[in-house]
Amino acid sequence: MDILTGFLSSIGRVFLAFLAAVGRVSLFIWAAVSGIFRGPFYTRILLKQLMEVGYYSLPVVGMTSLFTGAALAIQTYNGFSRFSAESSVAIVVVLAITRELGPVMAGLMVAGRIGAAYAAEIGTMRVTEQIDALTTLSTDPYKYLVLPRLIAGLTMLPILVGIGDIIGVFGGYMVSIHNLGFAPGPYIKSTAQFLEMNDVISGLVKASVFGFIITLMGCYHGFNSKGGAQGVGAATTHAVVSSSILILLSNYFLTAMFFGK
């Protein structure tokens, strides 16, 4: 009986801790977005974050997409050649890139770059009491630090994914033409024929969700860090890990929503 009681108690503690974490994150989101239509508006900070998330993340997203598309083409060709379906390589590459690999790989790369940077930056401000100084100066720290970053992640990651999709499909095209012996015309025709608008839109919607998750986790863990340099390091780690897990988790539900029966 004592064993059963202890087991149920542990489950209850985990469930209550989960609900408490969801509540804290929800209150954090509300505190950040509730002032979106109220002044002052920090336009310069927003533009800086748009550049940080979008322009400066483009090289890593582009390189990842290029080699992902190239490797996908080779693996698809090797697999499909076993039952004489090599002509479907172009279809698989474009659908896999636009639906899944483009947004997921871009999200994970940006999580490692932006999520960690935001957590470290805001966490340092927290442990050095700069956030408290903002409050003392009658500046809303949520609106000044968090909201511009959330908007940047929500708007710029779809642009990154759109560019990454083009680069990824191009990587598959280059490998297929120069290494696998495909003719350019039929390959491009197959790509355009089987690609639907819903495939692209689903990837861009995923990218918006992933961008919000990445910036939210980075800001949240940085904002709540404590304990000096060790606390900032832990916040950075937690931001990247939680962002990556939530990206993969939300990707499943979004895929089920768009393509599930």
C-alpha atoms as a PDB file:
ATOM      1  CA  MET A   1       0.000   0.000   0.000  1.00  0.00           C
ATOM      2  CA  ASP A   2       2.854   2.344   0.868  1.00  0.00           C
ATOM      3  CA  ILE A   3       4.526   1.585  -2.452  1.00  0.00           C
ATOM      4  CA  LEU A   4       1.341   2.385  -4.374  1.00  0.00           C
ATOM      5  CA  THR A   5       0.835   5.593  -2.392  1.00  0.00           C
ATOM      6  CA  GLY A   6       4.407   6.689  -3.063  1.00  0.00           C
ATOM      7  CA  PHE A   7       4.055   5.904  -6.774  1.00  0.00           C
ATOM      8  CA  LEU A   8       0.830   7.886  -7.086  1.00  0.00           C
ATOM      9  CA  SER A   9       2.337  10.739  -5.097  1.00  0.00           C
ATOM     10  CA  SER A  10       5.316  10.942  -7.444  1.00  0.00           C
ATOM     11  CA  ILE A  11       2.991  11.021 -10.449  1.00  0.00           C
ATOM     12  CA  GLY A  12       0.959  13.775  -8.809  1.00  0.00           C
ATOM     13  CA  ARG A  13       4.058  15.835  -8.057  1.00  0.00           C
ATOM     14  CA  VAL A  14       5.246  15.559 -11.655  1.00  0.00           C
ATOM     15  CA  PHE A  15       1.816  16.514 -12.986  1.00  0.00           C
ATOM     16  CA  LEU A  16       1.516  19.503 -10.653  1.00  0.00           C
ATOM     17  CA  ALA A  17       5.045  20.627 -11.547  1.00  0.00           C
ATOM     18  CA  PHE A  18       4.096  20.408 -15.224  1.00  0.00           C
ATOM     19  CA  LEU A  19       0.965  22.491 -14.684  1.00  0.00           C
ATOM     20  CA  ALA A  20       2.970  25.045 -12.703  1.00  0.00           C
ATOM     21  CA  ALA A  21       5.529  25.322 -15.523  1.00  0.00           C
ATOM     22  CA  VAL A  22       2.771  25.765 -18.111  1.00  0.00           C
ATOM     23  CA  GLY A  23       1.216  28.458 -15.948  1.00  0.00           C
ATOM     24  CA  ARG A  24       4.501  30.331 -15.546  1.00  0.00           C
ATOM     25  CA  VAL A  25       5.179  30.245 -19.275  1.00  0.00           C
ATOM     26  CA  SER A  26       1.620  31.377 -20.046  1.00  0.00           C
ATOM     27  CA  LEU A  27       1.914  34.330 -17.664  1.00  0.00           C
ATOM     28  CA  PHE A  28       5.277  35.177 -19.200  1.00  0.00           C
ATOM     29  CA  ILE A  29       3.760  35.193 -22.700  1.00  0.00           C
ATOM     30  CA  TRP A  30       0.859  37.372 -21.547  1.00  0.00           C
ATOM     31  CA  ALA A  31       3.202  39.842 -19.858  1.00  0.00           C
ATOM     32  CA  ALA A  32       5.222  40.096 -23.072  1.00  0.00           C
ATOM     33  CA  VAL A  33       2.437  40.402 -25.667  1.00  0.00           C
ATOM     34  CA  SER A  34      -0.157  42.329 -23.681  1.00  0.00           C
ATOM     35  CA  GLY A  35       1.540  45.631 -24.459  1.00  0.00           C
ATOM     36  CA  ILE A  36       1.925  45.102 -28.191  1.00  0.00           C
ATOM     37  CA  PHE A  37      -0.603  47.839 -29.040  1.00  0.00           C
ATOM     38  CA  ARG A  38       0.515  50.267 -26.336  1.00  0.00           C
ATOM     39  CA  GLY A  39       3.392  52.700 -26.599  1.00  0.00           C
ATOM     40  CA  PRO A  40       6.249  53.236 -26.431  1.00  0.00           C
ATOM     41  CA  PHE A  41       7.344  51.164 -29.416  1.00  0.00           C
ATOM     42  CA  TYR A  42      11.002  50.166 -29.554  1.00  0.00           C
ATOM     43  CA  THR A  43      11.401  50.129 -33.322  1.00  0.00           C
ATOM     44  CA  ARG A  44      15.201  50.226 -33.327  1.00  0.00           C
ATOM     45  CA  ILE A  45      15.415  47.199 -31.053  1.00  0.00           C
ATOM     46  CA  LEU A  46      12.900  45.337 -33.217  1.00  0.00           C
ATOM     47  CA  LEU A  47      14.885  46.036 -36.386  1.00  0.00           C
ATOM     48  CA  LYS A  48      18.058  44.862 -34.675  1.00  0.00           C
ATOM     49  CA  GLN A  49      16.406  41.595 -33.662  1.00  0.00           C
ATOM     50  CA  LEU A  50      14.973  41.083 -37.142  1.00  0.00           C
ATOM     51  CA  MET A  51      18.514  41.317 -38.500  1.00  0.00           C
ATOM     52  CA  GLU A  52      19.833  39.029 -35.782  1.00  0.00           C
ATOM     53  CA  VAL A  53      17.287  36.286 -36.330  1.00  0.00           C
ATOM     54  CA  GLY A  54      16.984  36.613 -40.096  1.00  0.00           C
ATOM     55  CA  TYR A  55      20.040  37.969 -41.867  1.00  0.00           C
ATOM     56  CA  TYR A  56      22.737  36.637 -39.541  1.00  0.00           C
ATOM     57  CA  SER A  57      21.133  33.184 -39.356  1.00  0.00           C
ATOM     58  CA  LEU A  58      20.883  32.837 -43.138  1.00  0.00           C
ATOM     59  CA  PRO A  59      24.369  31.322 -43.724  1.00  0.00           C
ATOM     60  CA  VAL A  60      23.905  28.442 -41.286  1.00  0.00           C
ATOM     61  CA  VAL A  61      20.357  27.752 -42.503  1.00  0.00           C
ATOM     62  CA  GLY A  62      21.454  27.912 -46.143  1.00  0.00           C
ATOM     63  CA  MET A  63      24.376  25.524 -45.635  1.00  0.00           C
ATOM     64  CA  THR A  64      22.217  23.099 -43.665  1.00  0.00           C
ATOM     65  CA  SER A  65      19.472  23.133 -46.309  1.00  0.00           C
ATOM     66  CA  LEU A  66      21.897  22.708 -49.206  1.00  0.00           C
ATOM     67  CA  PHE A  67      23.602  19.606 -47.851  1.00  0.00           C
ATOM     68  CA  THR A  68      20.364  18.180 -46.459  1.00  0.00           C
ATOM     69  CA  GLY A  69      18.793  18.321 -49.918  1.00  0.00           C
ATOM     70  CA  ALA A  70      21.900  16.829 -51.517  1.00  0.00           C
ATOM     71  CA  ALA A  71      22.128  13.961 -49.034  1.00  0.00           C
ATOM     72  CA  LEU A  72      18.380  13.327 -49.292  1.00  0.00           C
ATOM     73  CA  ALA A  73      18.622  12.979 -53.062  1.00  0.00           C
ATOM     74  CA  ILE A  74      21.417  10.405 -52.779  1.00  0.00           C
ATOM     75  CA  GLN A  75      19.656   8.369 -50.103  1.00  0.00           C
ATOM     76  CA  THR A  76      16.332   8.478 -51.943  1.00  0.00           C
ATOM     77  CA  TYR A  77      17.965   7.366 -55.183  1.00  0.00           C
ATOM     78  CA  ASN A  78      19.747   4.453 -53.490  1.00  0.00           C
ATOM     79  CA  GLY A  79      16.544   3.336 -51.816  1.00  0.00           C
ATOM     80  CA  PHE A  80      14.244   3.730 -54.797  1.00  0.00           C
ATOM     81  CA  SER A  81      16.665   2.036 -57.190  1.00  0.00           C
ATOM     82  CA  ARG A  82      15.954  -1.244 -55.404  1.00  0.00           C
ATOM     83  CA  PHE A  83      12.461  -1.341 -56.915  1.00  0.00           C
ATOM     84  CA  SER A  84      13.066   0.738 -60.083  1.00  0.00           C
ATOM     85  CA  ALA A  85      11.412   3.947 -58.838  1.00  0.00           C
ATOM     86  CA  GLU A  86      14.306   6.349 -59.410  1.00  0.00           C
ATOM     87  CA  SER A  87      12.008   8.797 -61.216  1.00  0.00           C
ATOM     88  CA  SER A  88      10.348   9.654 -57.892  1.00  0.00           C
ATOM     89  CA  VAL A  89      13.506  11.178 -56.425  1.00  0.00           C
ATOM     90  CA  ALA A  90      12.512  14.722 -57.383  1.00  0.00           C
ATOM     91  CA  ILE A  91       9.075  14.326 -55.795  1.00  0.00           C
ATOM     92  CA  VAL A  92      10.434  12.997 -52.514  1.00  0.00           C
ATOM     93  CA  VAL A  93      13.109  15.679 -52.275  1.00  0.00           C
ATOM     94  CA  VAL A  94      10.777  18.633 -52.797  1.00  0.00           C
ATOM     95  CA  LEU A  95       8.036  17.281 -50.515  1.00  0.00           C
ATOM     96  CA  ALA A  96      10.427  16.274 -47.731  1.00  0.00           C
ATOM     97  CA  ILE A  97      12.220  19.613 -47.830  1.00  0.00           C
ATOM     98  CA  THR A  98       9.141  21.838 -47.902  1.00  0.00           C
ATOM     99  CA  ARG A  99       6.999  19.822 -45.497  1.00  0.00           C
ATOM    100  CA  GLU A 100       9.448  18.561 -42.880  1.00  0.00           C
ATOM    101  CA  LEU A 101      13.190  18.884 -43.248  1.00  0.00           C
ATOM    102  CA  GLY A 102      13.257  22.568 -44.197  1.00  0.00           C
ATOM    103  CA  PRO A 103      11.379  23.945 -41.182  1.00  0.00           C
ATOM    104  CA  VAL A 104      12.666  21.377 -38.681  1.00  0.00           C
ATOM    105  CA  MET A 105      16.349  21.669 -39.601  1.00  0.00           C
ATOM    106  CA  ALA A 106      16.138  25.463 -39.759  1.00  0.00           C
ATOM    107  CA  GLY A 107      14.369  25.517 -36.399  1.00  0.00           C
ATOM    108  CA  LEU A 108      17.009  23.358 -34.743  1.00  0.00           C
ATOM    109  CA  MET A 109      19.861  25.410 -36.204  1.00  0.00           C
ATOM    110  CA  VAL A 110      18.292  28.699 -35.139  1.00  0.00           C
ATOM    111  CA  ALA A 111      17.546  27.250 -31.692  1.00  0.00           C
ATOM    112  CA  GLY A 112      21.223  26.505 -31.234  1.00  0.00           C
ATOM    113  CA  ARG A 113      22.201  29.983 -32.348  1.00  0.00           C
ATOM    114  CA  ILE A 114      19.426  32.383 -31.319  1.00  0.00           C
ATOM    115  CA  GLY A 115      17.919  30.518 -28.372  1.00  0.00           C
ATOM    116  CA  ALA A 116      21.289  30.184 -26.686  1.00  0.00           C
ATOM    117  CA  ALA A 117      22.242  33.795 -27.448  1.00  0.00           C
ATOM    118  CA  TYR A 118      18.992  35.189 -26.057  1.00  0.00           C
ATOM    119  CA  ALA A 119      19.210  33.101 -22.900  1.00  0.00           C
ATOM    120  CA  ALA A 120      22.809  34.141 -22.298  1.00  0.00           C
ATOM    121  CA  GLU A 121      22.154  37.818 -23.017  1.00  0.00           C
ATOM    122  CA  ILE A 122      19.016  38.198 -20.925  1.00  0.00           C
ATOM    123  CA  GLY A 123      20.358  35.871 -18.238  1.00  0.00           C
ATOM    124  CA  THR A 124      23.432  38.058 -17.859  1.00  0.00           C
ATOM    125  CA  MET A 125      21.195  41.095 -17.560  1.00  0.00           C
ATOM    126  CA  ARG A 126      19.184  39.314 -14.872  1.00  0.00           C
ATOM    127  CA  VAL A 127      22.113  38.245 -12.680  1.00  0.00           C
ATOM    128  CA  THR A 128      23.769  41.683 -13.009  1.00  0.00           C
ATOM    129  CA  GLU A 129      20.467  43.386 -12.036  1.00  0.00           C
ATOM    130  CA  GLN A 130      20.147  45.285 -15.305  1.00  0.00           C
ATOM    131  CA  ILE A 131      16.533  44.097 -15.651  1.00  0.00           C
ATOM    132  CA  ASP A 132      15.781  45.498 -12.194  1.00  0.00           C
ATOM    133  CA  ALA A 133      17.357  48.767 -13.332  1.00  0.00           C
ATOM    134  CA  LEU A 134      14.960  48.880 -16.305  1.00  0.00           C
ATOM    135  CA  THR A 135      12.024  48.533 -13.927  1.00  0.00           C
ATOM    136  CA  THR A 136      13.441  51.291 -11.758  1.00  0.00           C
ATOM    137  CA  LEU A 137      13.578  53.528 -14.845  1.00  0.00           C
ATOM    138  CA  SER A 138       9.851  52.848 -15.521  1.00  0.00           C
ATOM    139  CA  THR A 139      10.663  50.679 -18.560  1.00  0.00           C
ATOM    140  CA  ASP A 140       8.669  47.491 -18.971  1.00  0.00           C
ATOM    141  CA  PRO A 141      11.372  44.789 -19.294  1.00  0.00           C
ATOM    142  CA  TYR A 142       8.960  42.391 -20.992  1.00  0.00           C
ATOM    143  CA  LYS A 143       8.118  44.908 -23.683  1.00  0.00           C
ATOM    144  CA  TYR A 144      11.693  46.155 -24.024  1.00  0.00           C
ATOM    145  CA  LEU A 145      13.511  42.796 -24.013  1.00  0.00           C
ATOM    146  CA  VAL A 146      11.033  40.025 -24.818  1.00  0.00           C
ATOM    147  CA  LEU A 147       8.409  41.364 -27.235  1.00  0.00           C
ATOM    148  CA  PRO A 148      10.813  42.478 -30.019  1.00  0.00           C
ATOM    149  CA  ARG A 149      12.509  39.084 -29.912  1.00  0.00           C
ATOM    150  CA  LEU A 150       9.208  37.192 -30.077  1.00  0.00           C
ATOM    151  CA  ILE A 151       8.096  39.253 -33.078  1.00  0.00           C
ATOM    152  CA  ALA A 152      11.459  38.695 -34.776  1.00  0.00           C
ATOM    153  CA  GLY A 153      11.267  34.931 -34.348  1.00  0.00           C
ATOM    154  CA  LEU A 154       7.644  34.770 -35.453  1.00  0.00           C
ATOM    155  CA  THR A 155       8.223  36.758 -38.653  1.00  0.00           C
ATOM    156  CA  MET A 156      11.780  35.976 -39.744  1.00  0.00           C
ATOM    157  CA  LEU A 157      11.930  32.204 -39.427  1.00  0.00           C
ATOM    158  CA  PRO A 158       9.312  31.666 -42.187  1.00  0.00           C
ATOM    159  CA  ILE A 159      11.461  33.840 -44.470  1.00  0.00           C
ATOM    160  CA  LEU A 160      14.522  31.793 -43.559  1.00  0.00           C
ATOM    161  CA  VAL A 161      12.648  28.562 -44.213  1.00  0.00           C
ATOM    162  CA  GLY A 162      11.340  29.818 -47.560  1.00  0.00           C
ATOM    163  CA  ILE A 163      14.888  30.613 -48.685  1.00  0.00           C
ATOM    164  CA  GLY A 164      16.133  27.352 -47.178  1.00  0.00           C
ATOM    165  CA  ASP A 165      13.517  25.370 -49.117  1.00  0.00           C
ATOM    166  CA  ILE A 166      14.768  26.827 -52.387  1.00  0.00           C
ATOM    167  CA  ILE A 167      18.383  26.101 -51.483  1.00  0.00           C
ATOM    168  CA  GLY A 168      17.551  22.567 -50.314  1.00  0.00           C
ATOM    169  CA  VAL A 169      15.652  21.693 -53.488  1.00  0.00           C
ATOM    170  CA  PHE A 170      18.519  23.176 -55.496  1.00  0.00           C
ATOM    171  CA  GLY A 171      20.985  20.970 -53.610  1.00  0.00           C
ATOM    172  CA  GLY A 172      18.956  17.889 -54.509  1.00  0.00           C
ATOM    173  CA  TYR A 173      18.744  19.089 -58.110  1.00  0.00           C
ATOM    174  CA  MET A 174      22.511  19.587 -58.425  1.00  0.00           C
ATOM    175  CA  VAL A 175      23.316  16.138 -57.047  1.00  0.00           C
ATOM    176  CA  SER A 176      20.645  14.474 -59.175  1.00  0.00           C
ATOM    177  CA  ILE A 177      21.836  16.126 -62.379  1.00  0.00           C
ATOM    178  CA  HIS A 178      25.586  15.913 -61.925  1.00  0.00           C
ATOM    179  CA  ASN A 179      25.954  12.702 -59.907  1.00  0.00           C
ATOM    180  CA  LEU A 180      22.887  10.561 -60.448  1.00  0.00           C
ATOM    181  CA  GLY A 181      22.398  11.084 -64.187  1.00  0.00           C
ATOM    182  CA  PHE A 182      18.984  12.795 -64.231  1.00  0.00           C
ATOM    183  CA  ALA A 183      17.983  15.047 -67.121  1.00  0.00           C
ATOM    184  CA  PRO A 184      17.352  18.659 -66.018  1.00  0.00           C
ATOM    185  CA  GLY A 185      14.026  19.104 -67.844  1.00  0.00           C
ATOM    186  CA  PRO A 186      12.144  16.063 -66.506  1.00  0.00           C
ATOM    187  CA  TYR A 187      13.530  16.635 -62.996  1.00  0.00           C
ATOM    188  CA  ILE A 188      12.274  20.224 -62.865  1.00  0.00           C
ATOM    189  CA  LYS A 189       8.951  19.188 -64.394  1.00  0.00           C
ATOM    190  CA  SER A 190       8.414  16.508 -61.731  1.00  0.00           C
ATOM    191  CA  THR A 191       9.312  18.963 -59.000  1.00  0.00           C
ATOM    192  CA  ALA A 192       6.840  21.585 -60.204  1.00  0.00           C
ATOM    193  CA  GLN A 193       4.103  19.104 -61.067  1.00  0.00           C
ATOM    194  CA  PHE A 194       3.804  17.442 -57.652  1.00  0.00           C
ATOM    195  CA  LEU A 195       4.498  20.431 -55.414  1.00  0.00           C
ATOM    196  CA  GLU A 196       1.275  21.952 -54.065  1.00  0.00           C
ATOM    197  CA  MET A 197       0.733  25.249 -52.292  1.00  0.00           C
ATOM    198  CA  ASN A 198      -0.374  23.434 -49.145  1.00  0.00           C
ATOM    199  CA  ASP A 199       3.057  21.798 -48.919  1.00  0.00           C
ATOM    200  CA  VAL A 200       4.774  25.181 -48.833  1.00  0.00           C
ATOM    201  CA  ILE A 201       2.222  26.816 -46.533  1.00  0.00           C
ATOM    202  CA  SER A 202       2.428  24.000 -43.997  1.00  0.00           C
ATOM    203  CA  GLY A 203       6.202  24.429 -43.794  1.00  0.00           C
ATOM    204  CA  LEU A 204       5.926  28.192 -43.343  1.00  0.00           C
ATOM    205  CA  VAL A 205       3.297  27.835 -40.612  1.00  0.00           C
ATOM    206  CA  LYS A 206       5.570  25.390 -38.841  1.00  0.00           C
ATOM    207  CA  ALA A 207       8.415  27.874 -39.168  1.00  0.00           C
ATOM    208  CA  SER A 208       6.357  30.620 -37.498  1.00  0.00           C
ATOM    209  CA  VAL A 209       5.503  28.329 -34.594  1.00  0.00           C
ATOM    210  CA  PHE A 210       9.119  27.194 -34.274  1.00  0.00           C
ATOM    211  CA  GLY A 211      10.369  30.781 -34.349  1.00  0.00           C
ATOM    212  CA  PHE A 212       7.998  31.738 -31.541  1.00  0.00           C
ATOM    213  CA  ILE A 213       9.050  28.694 -29.505  1.00  0.00           C
ATOM    214  CA  ILE A 214      12.775  29.391 -29.950  1.00  0.00           C
ATOM    215  CA  THR A 215      12.629  33.031 -28.928  1.00  0.00           C
ATOM    216  CA  LEU A 216      10.152  32.318 -26.128  1.00  0.00           C
ATOM    217  CA  MET A 217      12.338  29.639 -24.547  1.00  0.00           C
ATOM    218  CA  GLY A 218      15.463  31.741 -24.910  1.00  0.00           C
ATOM    219  CA  CYS A 219      13.846  34.773 -23.291  1.00  0.00           C
ATOM    220  CA  TYR A 220      11.995  32.788 -20.624  1.00  0.00           C
ATOM    221  CA  HIS A 221      14.990  30.841 -19.352  1.00  0.00           C
ATOM    222  CA  GLY A 222      17.224  33.892 -19.522  1.00  0.00           C
ATOM    223  CA  PHE A 223      14.656  36.038 -17.724  1.00  0.00           C
ATOM    224  CA  ASN A 224      14.342  33.515 -14.894  1.00  0.00           C
ATOM    225  CA  SER A 225      18.008  32.625 -14.524  1.00  0.00           C
ATOM    226  CA  LYS A 226      19.744  33.067 -11.191  1.00  0.00           C
ATOM    227  CA  GLY A 227      22.958  32.135  -9.459  1.00  0.00           C
ATOM    228  CA  GLY A 228      25.596  34.051 -11.378  1.00  0.00           C
ATOM    229  CA  ALA A 229      27.588  32.635 -14.292  1.00  0.00           C
ATOM    230  CA  GLN A 230      26.574  29.060 -13.491  1.00  0.00           C
ATOM    231  CA  GLY A 231      22.904  30.025 -13.625  1.00  0.00           C
ATOM    232  CA  VAL A 232      23.372  31.748 -16.990  1.00  0.00           C
ATOM    233  CA  GLY A 233      25.042  28.626 -18.366  1.00  0.00           C
ATOM    234  CA  ALA A 234      22.202  26.440 -17.105  1.00  0.00           C
ATOM    235  CA  ALA A 235      19.629  28.820 -18.616  1.00  0.00           C
ATOM    236  CA  THR A 236      21.399  28.630 -21.984  1.00  0.00           C
ATOM    237  CA  THR A 237      21.402  24.842 -21.904  1.00  0.00           C
ATOM    238  CA  HIS A 238      17.757  24.675 -20.862  1.00  0.00           C
ATOM    239  CA  ALA A 239      16.770  27.116 -23.612  1.00  0.00           C
ATOM    240  CA  VAL A 240      18.349  25.031 -26.382  1.00  0.00           C
ATOM    241  CA  VAL A 241      17.123  21.681 -25.043  1.00  0.00           C
ATOM    242  CA  SER A 242      13.553  22.836 -24.382  1.00  0.00           C
ATOM    243  CA  SER A 243      13.374  24.588 -27.772  1.00  0.00           C
ATOM    244  CA  SER A 244      14.562  21.470 -29.599  1.00  0.00           C
ATOM    245  CA  ILE A 245      12.123  19.190 -27.775  1.00  0.00           C
ATOM    246  CA  LEU A 246       9.177  21.538 -28.311  1.00  0.00           C
ATOM    247  CA  ILE A 247      10.068  21.928 -31.997  1.00  0.00           C
ATOM    248  CA  LEU A 248       9.960  18.164 -32.558  1.00  0.00           C
ATOM    249  CA  LEU A 249       6.827  17.791 -30.443  1.00  0.00           C
ATOM    250  CA  SER A 250       4.912  20.608 -32.121  1.00  0.00           C
ATOM    251  CA  ASN A 251       6.090  19.387 -35.527  1.00  0.00           C
ATOM    252  CA  TYR A 252       4.209  16.145 -35.004  1.00  0.00           C
ATOM    253  CA  PHE A 253       0.954  17.868 -34.071  1.00  0.00           C
ATOM    254  CA  LEU A 254       1.227  20.376 -36.915  1.00  0.00           C
ATOM    255  CA  THR A 255       1.932  17.566 -39.396  1.00  0.00           C
ATOM    256  CA  ALA A 256      -1.094  15.667 -38.099  1.00  0.00           C
ATOM    257  CA  MET A 257      -3.197  18.820 -38.419  1.00  0.00           C
ATOM    258  CA  PHE A 258      -2.169  19.495 -42.024  1.00  0.00           C
ATOM    259  CA  PHE A 259      -1.837  15.975 -43.424  1.00  0.00           C
ATOM    260  CA  GLY A 260      -3.467  13.582 -40.974  1.00  0.00           C
ATOM    261  CA  LYS A 261      -6.623  11.752 -41.889  1.00  0.00           C
END
